[in-house]
């Protein structure tokens, strides 16, 4: 895996190693951390302490964010500021999402 390029198939391979769970960290630089996330059956997320961006790589479902629900599909960009309740619901079995955490604890101001 190049430090300048991470392929989707490479990320999935890392996700499915014996030590990985539903997410795997792939890259870090400064405050940026990039992960691949693939919950199965249900998404147990709780609010995070840093701002977060999701880019849907594969699959579809519903994004629950601050009491509202929106459908999502491949290529969609989703945002969750620090501390806000969010999760994926009713997602397909082939669901994979890139996750980008960034900024300070408590989120950008």
PDB file of N, CA and C in Angstrom:
ATOM      1  N   UNK A   1       0.845  -1.174   0.000  1.00  0.00           N
ATOM      2  CA  UNK A   1       0.000   0.000   0.000  1.00  0.00           C
ATOM      3  C   UNK A   1       0.892   1.239   0.000  1.00  0.00           C
ATOM      4  N   UNK A   2       0.718   2.076  -0.970  1.00  0.00           N
ATOM      5  CA  UNK A   2       1.488   3.313  -1.097  1.00  0.00           C
ATOM      6  C   UNK A   2       1.031   4.323  -0.049  1.00  0.00           C
ATOM      7  N   UNK A   3       1.936   5.153   0.471  1.00  0.00           N
ATOM      8  CA  UNK A   3       1.500   6.187   1.411  1.00  0.00           C
ATOM      9  C   UNK A   3       0.694   7.298   0.719  1.00  0.00           C
ATOM     10  N   UNK A   4       0.660   7.290  -0.618  1.00  0.00           N
ATOM     11  CA  UNK A   4      -0.057   8.331  -1.349  1.00  0.00           C
ATOM     12  C   UNK A   4      -1.321   7.826  -2.028  1.00  0.00           C
ATOM     13  N   UNK A   5      -1.523   6.508  -2.020  1.00  0.00           N
ATOM     14  CA  UNK A   5      -2.702   5.930  -2.676  1.00  0.00           C
ATOM     15  C   UNK A   5      -3.103   4.669  -1.922  1.00  0.00           C
ATOM     16  N   UNK A   6      -4.385   4.587  -1.613  1.00  0.00           N
ATOM     17  CA  UNK A   6      -4.934   3.389  -0.996  1.00  0.00           C
ATOM     18  C   UNK A   6      -6.090   2.932  -1.869  1.00  0.00           C
ATOM     19  N   UNK A   7      -5.953   1.774  -2.456  1.00  0.00           N
ATOM     20  CA  UNK A   7      -7.013   1.230  -3.302  1.00  0.00           C
ATOM     21  C   UNK A   7      -8.120   0.604  -2.472  1.00  0.00           C
ATOM     22  N   UNK A   8      -9.326   0.616  -3.009  1.00  0.00           N
ATOM     23  CA  UNK A   8     -10.483   0.035  -2.328  1.00  0.00           C
ATOM     24  C   UNK A   8     -10.243  -1.435  -2.022  1.00  0.00           C
ATOM     25  N   UNK A   9      -9.715  -2.193  -2.988  1.00  0.00           N
ATOM     26  CA  UNK A   9      -9.491  -3.625  -2.757  1.00  0.00           C
ATOM     27  C   UNK A   9      -8.437  -3.841  -1.672  1.00  0.00           C
ATOM     28  N   UNK A  10      -7.415  -2.979  -1.610  1.00  0.00           N
ATOM     29  CA  UNK A  10      -6.400  -3.074  -0.553  1.00  0.00           C
ATOM     30  C   UNK A  10      -7.015  -2.800   0.818  1.00  0.00           C
ATOM     31  N   UNK A  11      -7.880  -1.807   0.879  1.00  0.00           N
ATOM     32  CA  UNK A  11      -8.531  -1.452   2.145  1.00  0.00           C
ATOM     33  C   UNK A  11      -9.409  -2.602   2.629  1.00  0.00           C
ATOM     34  N   UNK A  12     -10.144  -3.214   1.724  1.00  0.00           N
ATOM     35  CA  UNK A  12     -11.009  -4.335   2.100  1.00  0.00           C
ATOM     36  C   UNK A  12     -10.173  -5.514   2.592  1.00  0.00           C
ATOM     37  N   UNK A  13      -9.053  -5.782   1.927  1.00  0.00           N
ATOM     38  CA  UNK A  13      -8.168  -6.868   2.377  1.00  0.00           C
ATOM     39  C   UNK A  13      -7.719  -6.647   3.812  1.00  0.00           C
ATOM     40  N   UNK A  14      -7.330  -5.422   4.134  1.00  0.00           N
ATOM     41  CA  UNK A  14      -6.881  -5.109   5.499  1.00  0.00           C
ATOM     42  C   UNK A  14      -8.026  -5.251   6.497  1.00  0.00           C
ATOM     43  N   UNK A  15      -9.229  -4.905   6.050  1.00  0.00           N
ATOM     44  CA  UNK A  15     -10.397  -4.994   6.924  1.00  0.00           C
ATOM     45  C   UNK A  15     -10.696  -6.446   7.301  1.00  0.00           C
ATOM     46  N   UNK A  16     -10.409  -7.355   6.411  1.00  0.00           N
ATOM     47  CA  UNK A  16     -10.741  -8.753   6.655  1.00  0.00           C
ATOM     48  C   UNK A  16      -9.566  -9.598   7.132  1.00  0.00           C
ATOM     49  N   UNK A  17      -8.632  -8.979   7.840  1.00  0.00           N
ATOM     50  CA  UNK A  17      -7.564  -9.737   8.492  1.00  0.00           C
ATOM     51  C   UNK A  17      -8.099 -10.221   9.838  1.00  0.00           C
ATOM     52  N   UNK A  18      -7.501 -11.262  10.416  1.00  0.00           N
ATOM     53  CA  UNK A  18      -8.016 -11.807  11.684  1.00  0.00           C
ATOM     54  C   UNK A  18      -8.104 -10.786  12.829  1.00  0.00           C
ATOM     55  N   UNK A  19      -7.186  -9.827  12.899  1.00  0.00           N
ATOM     56  CA  UNK A  19      -7.189  -8.860  13.993  1.00  0.00           C
ATOM     57  C   UNK A  19      -8.172  -7.713  13.788  1.00  0.00           C
ATOM     58  N   UNK A  20      -8.663  -7.505  12.577  1.00  0.00           N
ATOM     59  CA  UNK A  20      -9.577  -6.400  12.295  1.00  0.00           C
ATOM     60  C   UNK A  20     -10.992  -6.731  12.773  1.00  0.00           C
ATOM     61  N   UNK A  21     -11.719  -5.699  13.104  1.00  0.00           N
ATOM     62  CA  UNK A  21     -13.120  -5.872  13.501  1.00  0.00           C
ATOM     63  C   UNK A  21     -13.980  -5.287  12.385  1.00  0.00           C
ATOM     64  N   UNK A  22     -14.815  -4.304  12.682  1.00  0.00           N
ATOM     65  CA  UNK A  22     -15.636  -3.713  11.630  1.00  0.00           C
ATOM     66  C   UNK A  22     -14.978  -2.496  10.985  1.00  0.00           C
ATOM     67  N   UNK A  23     -13.828  -2.062  11.527  1.00  0.00           N
ATOM     68  CA  UNK A  23     -13.112  -0.956  10.904  1.00  0.00           C
ATOM     69  C   UNK A  23     -11.612  -1.187  11.039  1.00  0.00           C
ATOM     70  N   UNK A  24     -10.883  -0.560  10.129  1.00  0.00           N
ATOM     71  CA  UNK A  24      -9.428  -0.663  10.159  1.00  0.00           C
ATOM     72  C   UNK A  24      -8.839   0.691   9.796  1.00  0.00           C
ATOM     73  N   UNK A  25      -7.830   1.118  10.554  1.00  0.00           N
ATOM     74  CA  UNK A  25      -7.134   2.362  10.264  1.00  0.00           C
ATOM     75  C   UNK A  25      -6.154   2.121   9.126  1.00  0.00           C
ATOM     76  N   UNK A  26      -6.175   3.002   8.129  1.00  0.00           N
ATOM     77  CA  UNK A  26      -5.361   2.827   6.925  1.00  0.00           C
ATOM     78  C   UNK A  26      -4.289   3.889   6.745  1.00  0.00           C
ATOM     79  N   UNK A  27      -4.519   5.090   7.291  1.00  0.00           N
ATOM     80  CA  UNK A  27      -3.600   6.198   7.024  1.00  0.00           C
ATOM     81  C   UNK A  27      -3.748   7.243   8.116  1.00  0.00           C
ATOM     82  N   UNK A  28      -2.620   7.839   8.501  1.00  0.00           N
ATOM     83  CA  UNK A  28      -2.618   8.961   9.455  1.00  0.00           C
ATOM     84  C   UNK A  28      -1.641  10.022   8.970  1.00  0.00           C
ATOM     85  N   UNK A  29      -2.055  11.269   9.119  1.00  0.00           N
ATOM     86  CA  UNK A  29      -1.179  12.403   8.816  1.00  0.00           C
ATOM     87  C   UNK A  29      -1.715  13.595   9.605  1.00  0.00           C
ATOM     88  N   UNK A  30      -0.926  14.114  10.536  1.00  0.00           N
ATOM     89  CA  UNK A  30      -1.414  15.203  11.379  1.00  0.00           C
ATOM     90  C   UNK A  30      -2.655  14.750  12.127  1.00  0.00           C
ATOM     91  N   UNK A  31      -3.730  15.529  12.041  1.00  0.00           N
ATOM     92  CA  UNK A  31      -4.972  15.152  12.723  1.00  0.00           C
ATOM     93  C   UNK A  31      -5.846  14.225  11.882  1.00  0.00           C
ATOM     94  N   UNK A  32      -5.475  14.003  10.625  1.00  0.00           N
ATOM     95  CA  UNK A  32      -6.284  13.166   9.730  1.00  0.00           C
ATOM     96  C   UNK A  32      -6.037  11.685   9.997  1.00  0.00           C
ATOM     97  N   UNK A  33      -7.129  10.931  10.149  1.00  0.00           N
ATOM     98  CA  UNK A  33      -7.056   9.474  10.194  1.00  0.00           C
ATOM     99  C   UNK A  33      -8.082   8.926   9.210  1.00  0.00           C
ATOM    100  N   UNK A  34      -7.644   8.038   8.324  1.00  0.00           N
ATOM    101  CA  UNK A  34      -8.517   7.428   7.323  1.00  0.00           C
ATOM    102  C   UNK A  34      -8.728   5.971   7.690  1.00  0.00           C
ATOM    103  N   UNK A  35      -9.988   5.562   7.670  1.00  0.00           N
ATOM    104  CA  UNK A  35     -10.348   4.178   7.982  1.00  0.00           C
ATOM    105  C   UNK A  35     -11.287   3.636   6.913  1.00  0.00           C
ATOM    106  N   UNK A  36     -11.404   2.323   6.880  1.00  0.00           N
ATOM    107  CA  UNK A  36     -12.465   1.661   6.127  1.00  0.00           C
ATOM    108  C   UNK A  36     -13.376   1.052   7.186  1.00  0.00           C
ATOM    109  N   UNK A  37     -14.689   1.226   7.024  1.00  0.00           N
ATOM    110  CA  UNK A  37     -15.664   0.747   8.001  1.00  0.00           C
ATOM    111  C   UNK A  37     -16.704  -0.098   7.289  1.00  0.00           C
ATOM    112  N   UNK A  38     -17.004  -1.254   7.864  1.00  0.00           N
ATOM    113  CA  UNK A  38     -18.005  -2.152   7.286  1.00  0.00           C
ATOM    114  C   UNK A  38     -18.761  -2.853   8.410  1.00  0.00           C
ATOM    115  N   UNK A  39     -19.740  -2.169   9.002  1.00  0.00           N
ATOM    116  CA  UNK A  39     -20.525  -2.835  10.033  1.00  0.00           C
ATOM    117  C   UNK A  39     -21.331  -3.974   9.411  1.00  0.00           C
ATOM    118  N   UNK A  40     -21.658  -4.962  10.207  1.00  0.00           N
ATOM    119  CA  UNK A  40     -22.471  -6.078   9.721  1.00  0.00           C
ATOM    120  C   UNK A  40     -23.701  -6.218  10.595  1.00  0.00           C
ATOM    121  N   UNK A  41     -24.846  -6.356   9.972  1.00  0.00           N
ATOM    122  CA  UNK A  41     -26.160  -6.492  10.619  1.00  0.00           C
ATOM    123  C   UNK A  41     -26.640  -5.175  11.242  1.00  0.00           C
ATOM    124  N   UNK A  42     -25.858  -4.571  12.164  1.00  0.00           N
ATOM    125  CA  UNK A  42     -26.238  -3.277  12.737  1.00  0.00           C
ATOM    126  C   UNK A  42     -24.990  -2.440  12.997  1.00  0.00           C
ATOM    127  N   UNK A  43     -25.199  -1.139  13.100  1.00  0.00           N
ATOM    128  CA  UNK A  43     -24.103  -0.195  13.330  1.00  0.00           C
ATOM    129  C   UNK A  43     -24.155   0.265  14.783  1.00  0.00           C
ATOM    130  N   UNK A  44     -23.170  -0.144  15.598  1.00  0.00           N
ATOM    131  CA  UNK A  44     -23.201   0.188  17.026  1.00  0.00           C
ATOM    132  C   UNK A  44     -22.569   1.534  17.386  1.00  0.00           C
ATOM    133  N   UNK A  45     -22.366   2.411  16.427  1.00  0.00           N
ATOM    134  CA  UNK A  45     -21.663   3.677  16.687  1.00  0.00           C
ATOM    135  C   UNK A  45     -22.333   4.527  17.760  1.00  0.00           C
ATOM    136  N   UNK A  46     -21.494   5.247  18.472  1.00  0.00           N
ATOM    137  CA  UNK A  46     -21.923   6.305  19.380  1.00  0.00           C
ATOM    138  C   UNK A  46     -21.223   7.579  18.899  1.00  0.00           C
ATOM    139  N   UNK A  47     -21.665   8.759  19.331  1.00  0.00           N
ATOM    140  CA  UNK A  47     -21.023   9.992  18.863  1.00  0.00           C
ATOM    141  C   UNK A  47     -19.516   9.993  19.115  1.00  0.00           C
ATOM    142  N   UNK A  48     -18.782  10.548  18.159  1.00  0.00           N
ATOM    143  CA  UNK A  48     -17.323  10.605  18.226  1.00  0.00           C
ATOM    144  C   UNK A  48     -16.873  11.950  18.776  1.00  0.00           C
ATOM    145  N   UNK A  49     -15.614  12.001  19.198  1.00  0.00           N
ATOM    146  CA  UNK A  49     -15.075  13.228  19.790  1.00  0.00           C
ATOM    147  C   UNK A  49     -14.441  14.162  18.774  1.00  0.00           C
ATOM    148  N   UNK A  50     -14.329  13.695  17.509  1.00  0.00           N
ATOM    149  CA  UNK A  50     -13.773  14.549  16.449  1.00  0.00           C
ATOM    150  C   UNK A  50     -14.733  14.580  15.272  1.00  0.00           C
ATOM    151  N   UNK A  51     -14.602  15.580  14.424  1.00  0.00           N
ATOM    152  CA  UNK A  51     -15.417  15.656  13.208  1.00  0.00           C
ATOM    153  C   UNK A  51     -15.090  14.474  12.315  1.00  0.00           C
ATOM    154  N   UNK A  52     -16.086  14.102  11.506  1.00  0.00           N
ATOM    155  CA  UNK A  52     -15.963  12.879  10.728  1.00  0.00           C
ATOM    156  C   UNK A  52     -16.664  13.030   9.376  1.00  0.00           C
ATOM    157  N   UNK A  53     -16.005  12.538   8.348  1.00  0.00           N
ATOM    158  CA  UNK A  53     -16.567  12.507   6.998  1.00  0.00           C
ATOM    159  C   UNK A  53     -16.646  11.052   6.573  1.00  0.00           C
ATOM    160  N   UNK A  54     -17.741  10.699   5.922  1.00  0.00           N
ATOM    161  CA  UNK A  54     -17.901   9.372   5.325  1.00  0.00           C
ATOM    162  C   UNK A  54     -18.037   9.542   3.822  1.00  0.00           C
ATOM    163  N   UNK A  55     -17.418   8.648   3.073  1.00  0.00           N
ATOM    164  CA  UNK A  55     -17.640   8.567   1.630  1.00  0.00           C
ATOM    165  C   UNK A  55     -18.035   7.121   1.360  1.00  0.00           C
ATOM    166  N   UNK A  56     -19.243   6.939   0.869  1.00  0.00           N
ATOM    167  CA  UNK A  56     -19.769   5.595   0.646  1.00  0.00           C
ATOM    168  C   UNK A  56     -19.058   4.979  -0.552  1.00  0.00           C
ATOM    169  N   UNK A  57     -18.353   3.869  -0.301  1.00  0.00           N
ATOM    170  CA  UNK A  57     -17.613   3.181  -1.355  1.00  0.00           C
ATOM    171  C   UNK A  57     -18.485   2.170  -2.068  1.00  0.00           C
ATOM    172  N   UNK A  58     -19.349   1.512  -1.302  1.00  0.00           N
ATOM    173  CA  UNK A  58     -20.165   0.432  -1.876  1.00  0.00           C
ATOM    174  C   UNK A  58     -21.374   0.222  -0.979  1.00  0.00           C
ATOM    175  N   UNK A  59     -22.490  -0.139  -1.568  1.00  0.00           N
ATOM    176  CA  UNK A  59     -23.691  -0.448  -0.799  1.00  0.00           C
ATOM    177  C   UNK A  59     -24.619   0.736  -0.672  1.00  0.00           C
ATOM    178  N   UNK A  60     -25.736   0.499   0.015  1.00  0.00           N
ATOM    179  CA  UNK A  60     -26.742   1.536   0.204  1.00  0.00           C
ATOM    180  C   UNK A  60     -27.451   1.294   1.530  1.00  0.00           C
ATOM    181  N   UNK A  61     -28.217   2.282   1.954  1.00  0.00           N
ATOM    182  CA  UNK A  61     -28.963   2.172   3.201  1.00  0.00           C
ATOM    183  C   UNK A  61     -29.493   3.526   3.613  1.00  0.00           C
ATOM    184  N   UNK A  62     -29.635   3.700   4.924  1.00  0.00           N
ATOM    185  CA  UNK A  62     -30.158   4.933   5.491  1.00  0.00           C
ATOM    186  C   UNK A  62     -29.144   5.485   6.492  1.00  0.00           C
ATOM    187  N   UNK A  63     -28.893   6.791   6.421  1.00  0.00           N
ATOM    188  CA  UNK A  63     -28.002   7.468   7.350  1.00  0.00           C
ATOM    189  C   UNK A  63     -28.861   8.194   8.376  1.00  0.00           C
ATOM    190  N   UNK A  64     -28.753   7.801   9.638  1.00  0.00           N
ATOM    191  CA  UNK A  64     -29.431   8.466  10.737  1.00  0.00           C
ATOM    192  C   UNK A  64     -28.477   9.533  11.268  1.00  0.00           C
ATOM    193  N   UNK A  65     -28.952  10.784  11.319  1.00  0.00           N
ATOM    194  CA  UNK A  65     -28.118  11.901  11.753  1.00  0.00           C
ATOM    195  C   UNK A  65     -28.986  12.890  12.525  1.00  0.00           C
ATOM    196  N   UNK A  66     -28.687  13.070  13.800  1.00  0.00           N
ATOM    197  CA  UNK A  66     -29.364  14.067  14.636  1.00  0.00           C
ATOM    198  C   UNK A  66     -30.889  13.966  14.542  1.00  0.00           C
ATOM    199  N   UNK A  67     -31.418  12.747  14.565  1.00  0.00           N
ATOM    200  CA  UNK A  67     -32.862  12.548  14.560  1.00  0.00           C
ATOM    201  C   UNK A  67     -33.501  12.470  13.185  1.00  0.00           C
ATOM    202  N   UNK A  68     -32.730  12.656  12.126  1.00  0.00           N
ATOM    203  CA  UNK A  68     -33.269  12.588  10.768  1.00  0.00           C
ATOM    204  C   UNK A  68     -32.650  11.425  10.016  1.00  0.00           C
ATOM    205  N   UNK A  69     -33.346  10.944   8.984  1.00  0.00           N
ATOM    206  CA  UNK A  69     -32.859   9.834   8.178  1.00  0.00           C
ATOM    207  C   UNK A  69     -32.814  10.240   6.709  1.00  0.00           C
ATOM    208  N   UNK A  70     -31.719   9.866   6.048  1.00  0.00           N
ATOM    209  CA  UNK A  70     -31.524  10.140   4.621  1.00  0.00           C
ATOM    210  C   UNK A  70     -31.013   8.878   3.945  1.00  0.00           C
ATOM    211  N   UNK A  71     -31.528   8.542   2.762  1.00  0.00           N
ATOM    212  CA  UNK A  71     -30.960   7.399   2.046  1.00  0.00           C
ATOM    213  C   UNK A  71     -29.562   7.735   1.538  1.00  0.00           C
ATOM    214  N   UNK A  72     -28.712   6.718   1.402  1.00  0.00           N
ATOM    215  CA  UNK A  72     -27.384   6.915   0.833  1.00  0.00           C
ATOM    216  C   UNK A  72     -27.077   5.808  -0.163  1.00  0.00           C
ATOM    217  N   UNK A  73     -26.131   6.112  -1.068  1.00  0.00           N
ATOM    218  CA  UNK A  73     -25.703   5.151  -2.087  1.00  0.00           C
ATOM    219  C   UNK A  73     -24.233   5.427  -2.423  1.00  0.00           C
ATOM    220  N   UNK A  74     -23.595   4.568  -3.224  1.00  0.00           N
ATOM    221  CA  UNK A  74     -22.172   4.733  -3.529  1.00  0.00           C
ATOM    222  C   UNK A  74     -21.843   6.131  -4.058  1.00  0.00           C
ATOM    223  N   UNK A  75     -20.745   6.674  -3.538  1.00  0.00           N
ATOM    224  CA  UNK A  75     -20.280   7.987  -3.951  1.00  0.00           C
ATOM    225  C   UNK A  75     -20.784   9.116  -3.074  1.00  0.00           C
ATOM    226  N   UNK A  76     -21.766   8.854  -2.212  1.00  0.00           N
ATOM    227  CA  UNK A  76     -22.305   9.912  -1.362  1.00  0.00           C
ATOM    228  C   UNK A  76     -21.296  10.341  -0.300  1.00  0.00           C
ATOM    229  N   UNK A  77     -21.334  11.622   0.019  1.00  0.00           N
ATOM    230  CA  UNK A  77     -20.523  12.249   1.064  1.00  0.00           C
ATOM    231  C   UNK A  77     -21.445  12.519   2.244  1.00  0.00           C
ATOM    232  N   UNK A  78     -21.044  12.067   3.430  1.00  0.00           N
ATOM    233  CA  UNK A  78     -21.837  12.263   4.641  1.00  0.00           C
ATOM    234  C   UNK A  78     -20.937  12.890   5.707  1.00  0.00           C
ATOM    235  N   UNK A  79     -21.493  13.778   6.511  1.00  0.00           N
ATOM    236  CA  UNK A  79     -20.706  14.471   7.527  1.00  0.00           C
ATOM    237  C   UNK A  79     -21.347  14.293   8.897  1.00  0.00           C
ATOM    238  N   UNK A  80     -20.515  14.154   9.929  1.00  0.00           N
ATOM    239  CA  UNK A  80     -20.985  14.093  11.314  1.00  0.00           C
ATOM    240  C   UNK A  80     -20.030  14.916  12.177  1.00  0.00           C
ATOM    241  N   UNK A  81     -20.475  16.078  12.648  1.00  0.00           N
ATOM    242  CA  UNK A  81     -19.612  16.842  13.536  1.00  0.00           C
ATOM    243  C   UNK A  81     -19.443  16.114  14.868  1.00  0.00           C
ATOM    244  N   UNK A  82     -18.387  16.428  15.562  1.00  0.00           N
ATOM    245  CA  UNK A  82     -18.107  15.815  16.858  1.00  0.00           C
ATOM    246  C   UNK A  82     -19.318  15.925  17.776  1.00  0.00           C
ATOM    247  N   UNK A  83     -19.621  14.826  18.464  1.00  0.00           N
ATOM    248  CA  UNK A  83     -20.668  14.826  19.472  1.00  0.00           C
ATOM    249  C   UNK A  83     -22.081  14.608  18.993  1.00  0.00           C
ATOM    250  N   UNK A  84     -22.315  14.528  17.676  1.00  0.00           N
ATOM    251  CA  UNK A  84     -23.671  14.380  17.148  1.00  0.00           C
ATOM    252  C   UNK A  84     -23.984  12.897  16.928  1.00  0.00           C
ATOM    253  N   UNK A  85     -25.168  12.481  17.387  1.00  0.00           N
ATOM    254  CA  UNK A  85     -25.589  11.095  17.208  1.00  0.00           C
ATOM    255  C   UNK A  85     -25.785  10.792  15.722  1.00  0.00           C
ATOM    256  N   UNK A  86     -25.201   9.681  15.275  1.00  0.00           N
ATOM    257  CA  UNK A  86     -25.331   9.259  13.881  1.00  0.00           C
ATOM    258  C   UNK A  86     -25.047   7.767  13.783  1.00  0.00           C
ATOM    259  N   UNK A  87     -25.566   7.145  12.726  1.00  0.00           N
ATOM    260  CA  UNK A  87     -25.311   5.723  12.476  1.00  0.00           C
ATOM    261  C   UNK A  87     -25.900   5.358  11.118  1.00  0.00           C
ATOM    262  N   UNK A  88     -25.532   4.163  10.667  1.00  0.00           N
ATOM    263  CA  UNK A  88     -26.077   3.624   9.423  1.00  0.00           C
ATOM    264  C   UNK A  88     -27.150   2.605   9.767  1.00  0.00           C
ATOM    265  N   UNK A  89     -28.254   2.658   9.037  1.00  0.00           N
ATOM    266  CA  UNK A  89     -29.371   1.743   9.275  1.00  0.00           C
ATOM    267  C   UNK A  89     -29.791   1.094   7.964  1.00  0.00           C
ATOM    268  N   UNK A  90     -30.388  -0.072   8.070  1.00  0.00           N
ATOM    269  CA  UNK A  90     -30.953  -0.781   6.904  1.00  0.00           C
ATOM    270  C   UNK A  90     -29.990  -0.818   5.725  1.00  0.00           C
ATOM    271  N   UNK A  91     -28.712  -1.055   6.008  1.00  0.00           N
ATOM    272  CA  UNK A  91     -27.712  -1.049   4.943  1.00  0.00           C
ATOM    273  C   UNK A  91     -27.582  -2.433   4.313  1.00  0.00           C
ATOM    274  N   UNK A  92     -27.143  -2.434   3.068  1.00  0.00           N
ATOM    275  CA  UNK A  92     -26.985  -3.672   2.308  1.00  0.00           C
ATOM    276  C   UNK A  92     -25.791  -4.475   2.831  1.00  0.00           C
ATOM    277  N   UNK A  93     -25.791  -5.759   2.532  1.00  0.00           N
ATOM    278  CA  UNK A  93     -24.726  -6.656   2.994  1.00  0.00           C
ATOM    279  C   UNK A  93     -23.358  -6.298   2.411  1.00  0.00           C
ATOM    280  N   UNK A  94     -23.338  -5.574   1.301  1.00  0.00           N
ATOM    281  CA  UNK A  94     -22.069  -5.211   0.657  1.00  0.00           C
ATOM    282  C   UNK A  94     -21.610  -3.792   1.020  1.00  0.00           C
ATOM    283  N   UNK A  95     -22.089  -3.256   2.140  1.00  0.00           N
ATOM    284  CA  UNK A  95     -21.808  -1.876   2.541  1.00  0.00           C
ATOM    285  C   UNK A  95     -20.375  -1.711   3.053  1.00  0.00           C
ATOM    286  N   UNK A  96     -19.652  -0.737   2.459  1.00  0.00           N
ATOM    287  CA  UNK A  96     -18.315  -0.317   2.883  1.00  0.00           C
ATOM    288  C   UNK A  96     -18.264   1.202   2.771  1.00  0.00           C
ATOM    289  N   UNK A  97     -17.642   1.847   3.753  1.00  0.00           N
ATOM    290  CA  UNK A  97     -17.550   3.298   3.733  1.00  0.00           C
ATOM    291  C   UNK A  97     -16.149   3.733   4.166  1.00  0.00           C
ATOM    292  N   UNK A  98     -15.591   4.714   3.443  1.00  0.00           N
ATOM    293  CA  UNK A  98     -14.353   5.365   3.864  1.00  0.00           C
ATOM    294  C   UNK A  98     -14.721   6.312   4.996  1.00  0.00           C
ATOM    295  N   UNK A  99     -13.905   6.365   6.043  1.00  0.00           N
ATOM    296  CA  UNK A  99     -14.135   7.261   7.175  1.00  0.00           C
ATOM    297  C   UNK A  99     -12.912   8.153   7.329  1.00  0.00           C
ATOM    298  N   UNK A 100     -13.135   9.451   7.456  1.00  0.00           N
ATOM    299  CA  UNK A 100     -12.047  10.407   7.667  1.00  0.00           C
ATOM    300  C   UNK A 100     -12.326  11.182   8.938  1.00  0.00           C
ATOM    301  N   UNK A 101     -11.530  10.937   9.973  1.00  0.00           N
ATOM    302  CA  UNK A 101     -11.576  11.719  11.208  1.00  0.00           C
ATOM    303  C   UNK A 101     -10.535  12.819  11.066  1.00  0.00           C
ATOM    304  N   UNK A 102     -10.857  14.022  11.555  1.00  0.00           N
ATOM    305  CA  UNK A 102      -9.886  15.108  11.454  1.00  0.00           C
ATOM    306  C   UNK A 102     -10.165  16.160  12.515  1.00  0.00           C
ATOM    307  N   UNK A 103      -9.198  17.016  12.725  1.00  0.00           N
ATOM    308  CA  UNK A 103      -9.353  18.159  13.600  1.00  0.00           C
ATOM    309  C   UNK A 103      -9.184  17.827  15.075  1.00  0.00           C
ATOM    310  N   UNK A 104      -9.389  18.824  15.903  1.00  0.00           N
ATOM    311  CA  UNK A 104      -9.155  18.655  17.340  1.00  0.00           C
ATOM    312  C   UNK A 104     -10.301  17.899  18.030  1.00  0.00           C
ATOM    313  N   UNK A 105     -10.018  17.408  19.233  1.00  0.00           N
ATOM    314  CA  UNK A 105     -11.062  16.834  20.077  1.00  0.00           C
ATOM    315  C   UNK A 105     -12.139  17.903  20.260  1.00  0.00           C
ATOM    316  N   UNK A 106     -13.381  17.527  20.170  1.00  0.00           N
ATOM    317  CA  UNK A 106     -14.481  18.474  20.291  1.00  0.00           C
ATOM    318  C   UNK A 106     -14.910  19.073  18.968  1.00  0.00           C
ATOM    319  N   UNK A 107     -14.139  18.818  17.894  1.00  0.00           N
ATOM    320  CA  UNK A 107     -14.490  19.287  16.557  1.00  0.00           C
ATOM    321  C   UNK A 107     -13.982  20.677  16.222  1.00  0.00           C
ATOM    322  N   UNK A 108     -14.093  21.017  14.949  1.00  0.00           N
ATOM    323  CA  UNK A 108     -13.688  22.333  14.442  1.00  0.00           C
ATOM    324  C   UNK A 108     -14.681  23.383  14.969  1.00  0.00           C
ATOM    325  N   UNK A 109     -14.204  24.543  15.184  1.00  0.00           N
ATOM    326  CA  UNK A 109     -15.071  25.659  15.645  1.00  0.00           C
ATOM    327  C   UNK A 109     -15.242  26.667  14.551  1.00  0.00           C
TER     328      UNK A 109
END
